[in-house]
């Protein structure tokens, strides 16, 4: 049975099942606030997926900062733009 946290309008949080949440009426919410039911949560991410994140961080050890390279020495795979379009011809022909 999964339990969710529901925050009342007064800021307190109650633990509810999905069935309880779906059957919750405005009168129920008013009653819970009138008896000061619930608790204040200090950490809003308690029990969330953020807390349970098991994915490891990937550090690329092959990365070299650009300071190690001279940009003029890097070979380009691109054709120069001037080779694609011949700018010496008149375009009005």
C-alpha atoms as a PDB file:
ATOM      1  CA  UNK A   1       0.000   0.000   0.000  1.00  0.00           C
ATOM      2  CA  UNK A   2       1.510   3.293  -1.095  1.00  0.00           C
ATOM      3  CA  UNK A   3       1.239   6.318   1.131  1.00  0.00           C
ATOM      4  CA  UNK A   4       1.416   9.897  -0.066  1.00  0.00           C
ATOM      5  CA  UNK A   5       1.964  13.161   1.759  1.00  0.00           C
ATOM      6  CA  UNK A   6      -0.902  15.661   1.561  1.00  0.00           C
ATOM      7  CA  UNK A   7      -0.395  19.223   2.769  1.00  0.00           C
ATOM      8  CA  UNK A   8      -3.358  20.791   4.497  1.00  0.00           C
ATOM      9  CA  UNK A   9      -4.127  24.489   3.929  1.00  0.00           C
ATOM     10  CA  UNK A  10      -2.658  25.282   7.376  1.00  0.00           C
ATOM     11  CA  UNK A  11       0.739  23.942   6.250  1.00  0.00           C
ATOM     12  CA  UNK A  12       0.704  20.672   8.155  1.00  0.00           C
ATOM     13  CA  UNK A  13       1.209  17.388   6.309  1.00  0.00           C
ATOM     14  CA  UNK A  14      -0.749  14.148   6.704  1.00  0.00           C
ATOM     15  CA  UNK A  15       0.003  10.677   5.369  1.00  0.00           C
ATOM     16  CA  UNK A  16      -2.815   9.320   3.192  1.00  0.00           C
ATOM     17  CA  UNK A  17      -3.318   6.301   0.985  1.00  0.00           C
ATOM     18  CA  UNK A  18      -4.607   6.919  -2.513  1.00  0.00           C
ATOM     19  CA  UNK A  19      -8.040   5.605  -1.522  1.00  0.00           C
ATOM     20  CA  UNK A  20      -8.199   7.984   1.455  1.00  0.00           C
ATOM     21  CA  UNK A  21      -7.160  10.897  -0.738  1.00  0.00           C
ATOM     22  CA  UNK A  22      -9.806  10.107  -3.358  1.00  0.00           C
ATOM     23  CA  UNK A  23     -12.548   9.944  -0.725  1.00  0.00           C
ATOM     24  CA  UNK A  24     -11.385  13.112   1.079  1.00  0.00           C
ATOM     25  CA  UNK A  25     -14.038  15.842   1.293  1.00  0.00           C
ATOM     26  CA  UNK A  26     -13.810  19.522   2.198  1.00  0.00           C
ATOM     27  CA  UNK A  27     -15.395  18.711   5.564  1.00  0.00           C
ATOM     28  CA  UNK A  28     -12.668  16.123   6.240  1.00  0.00           C
ATOM     29  CA  UNK A  29      -9.989  18.698   5.514  1.00  0.00           C
ATOM     30  CA  UNK A  30     -11.683  21.249   7.811  1.00  0.00           C
ATOM     31  CA  UNK A  31     -11.940  18.614  10.553  1.00  0.00           C
ATOM     32  CA  UNK A  32      -8.241  17.689  10.269  1.00  0.00           C
ATOM     33  CA  UNK A  33      -7.298  21.355  10.555  1.00  0.00           C
ATOM     34  CA  UNK A  34      -9.655  21.938  13.517  1.00  0.00           C
ATOM     35  CA  UNK A  35      -8.054  19.160  15.579  1.00  0.00           C
ATOM     36  CA  UNK A  36      -4.572  20.387  14.535  1.00  0.00           C
ATOM     37  CA  UNK A  37      -3.797  17.029  12.950  1.00  0.00           C
ATOM     38  CA  UNK A  38      -0.601  16.466  10.994  1.00  0.00           C
ATOM     39  CA  UNK A  39       2.999  17.474  11.295  1.00  0.00           C
ATOM     40  CA  UNK A  40       5.285  20.126   9.919  1.00  0.00           C
ATOM     41  CA  UNK A  41       7.847  18.747   7.476  1.00  0.00           C
ATOM     42  CA  UNK A  42      11.317  20.243   7.623  1.00  0.00           C
ATOM     43  CA  UNK A  43      12.584  18.539   4.481  1.00  0.00           C
ATOM     44  CA  UNK A  44      10.074  18.688   1.597  1.00  0.00           C
ATOM     45  CA  UNK A  45      11.998  15.973  -0.249  1.00  0.00           C
ATOM     46  CA  UNK A  46      11.597  13.346   2.481  1.00  0.00           C
ATOM     47  CA  UNK A  47      10.932   9.994   0.809  1.00  0.00           C
ATOM     48  CA  UNK A  48      10.993  11.465  -2.688  1.00  0.00           C
ATOM     49  CA  UNK A  49      12.694  10.143  -5.793  1.00  0.00           C
ATOM     50  CA  UNK A  50      15.381  12.808  -5.353  1.00  0.00           C
ATOM     51  CA  UNK A  51      16.453  11.149  -2.118  1.00  0.00           C
ATOM     52  CA  UNK A  52      16.446   7.669  -3.691  1.00  0.00           C
ATOM     53  CA  UNK A  53      18.501   8.582  -6.767  1.00  0.00           C
ATOM     54  CA  UNK A  54      21.052   5.788  -7.176  1.00  0.00           C
ATOM     55  CA  UNK A  55      22.489   6.896 -10.509  1.00  0.00           C
ATOM     56  CA  UNK A  56      26.236   7.374 -10.427  1.00  0.00           C
ATOM     57  CA  UNK A  57      27.843  10.506 -11.699  1.00  0.00           C
ATOM     58  CA  UNK A  58      29.818  10.050 -14.918  1.00  0.00           C
ATOM     59  CA  UNK A  59      33.109  11.910 -15.116  1.00  0.00           C
ATOM     60  CA  UNK A  60      34.656  12.075 -18.562  1.00  0.00           C
ATOM     61  CA  UNK A  61      38.374  11.567 -17.992  1.00  0.00           C
ATOM     62  CA  UNK A  62      39.085  11.975 -21.719  1.00  0.00           C
ATOM     63  CA  UNK A  63      38.072  15.626 -21.612  1.00  0.00           C
ATOM     64  CA  UNK A  64      40.889  18.079 -22.117  1.00  0.00           C
ATOM     65  CA  UNK A  65      40.366  21.786 -21.577  1.00  0.00           C
ATOM     66  CA  UNK A  66      40.574  23.973 -24.670  1.00  0.00           C
ATOM     67  CA  UNK A  67      43.644  25.693 -23.199  1.00  0.00           C
ATOM     68  CA  UNK A  68      45.686  22.626 -24.212  1.00  0.00           C
ATOM     69  CA  UNK A  69      44.828  23.114 -27.882  1.00  0.00           C
ATOM     70  CA  UNK A  70      45.632  25.797 -30.386  1.00  0.00           C
ATOM     71  CA  UNK A  71      42.429  26.324 -32.328  1.00  0.00           C
ATOM     72  CA  UNK A  72      44.390  26.815 -35.548  1.00  0.00           C
ATOM     73  CA  UNK A  73      45.936  23.339 -35.263  1.00  0.00           C
ATOM     74  CA  UNK A  74      42.605  21.469 -35.094  1.00  0.00           C
ATOM     75  CA  UNK A  75      41.775  19.802 -38.397  1.00  0.00           C
ATOM     76  CA  UNK A  76      38.374  20.714 -39.760  1.00  0.00           C
ATOM     77  CA  UNK A  77      36.052  18.227 -41.430  1.00  0.00           C
ATOM     78  CA  UNK A  78      33.984  21.020 -42.932  1.00  0.00           C
ATOM     79  CA  UNK A  79      34.549  22.368 -46.404  1.00  0.00           C
ATOM     80  CA  UNK A  80      35.253  26.076 -46.498  1.00  0.00           C
ATOM     81  CA  UNK A  81      32.141  28.034 -47.464  1.00  0.00           C
ATOM     82  CA  UNK A  82      33.977  29.713 -50.358  1.00  0.00           C
ATOM     83  CA  UNK A  83      34.563  26.307 -51.998  1.00  0.00           C
ATOM     84  CA  UNK A  84      30.861  25.511 -51.972  1.00  0.00           C
ATOM     85  CA  UNK A  85      29.699  28.770 -53.543  1.00  0.00           C
ATOM     86  CA  UNK A  86      31.831  30.485 -56.146  1.00  0.00           C
ATOM     87  CA  UNK A  87      31.559  34.133 -55.198  1.00  0.00           C
ATOM     88  CA  UNK A  88      33.637  35.356 -58.134  1.00  0.00           C
ATOM     89  CA  UNK A  89      30.808  34.895 -60.688  1.00  0.00           C
ATOM     90  CA  UNK A  90      28.095  37.471 -61.172  1.00  0.00           C
ATOM     91  CA  UNK A  91      24.838  36.159 -59.676  1.00  0.00           C
ATOM     92  CA  UNK A  92      22.638  38.159 -62.081  1.00  0.00           C
ATOM     93  CA  UNK A  93      23.447  35.940 -65.110  1.00  0.00           C
END
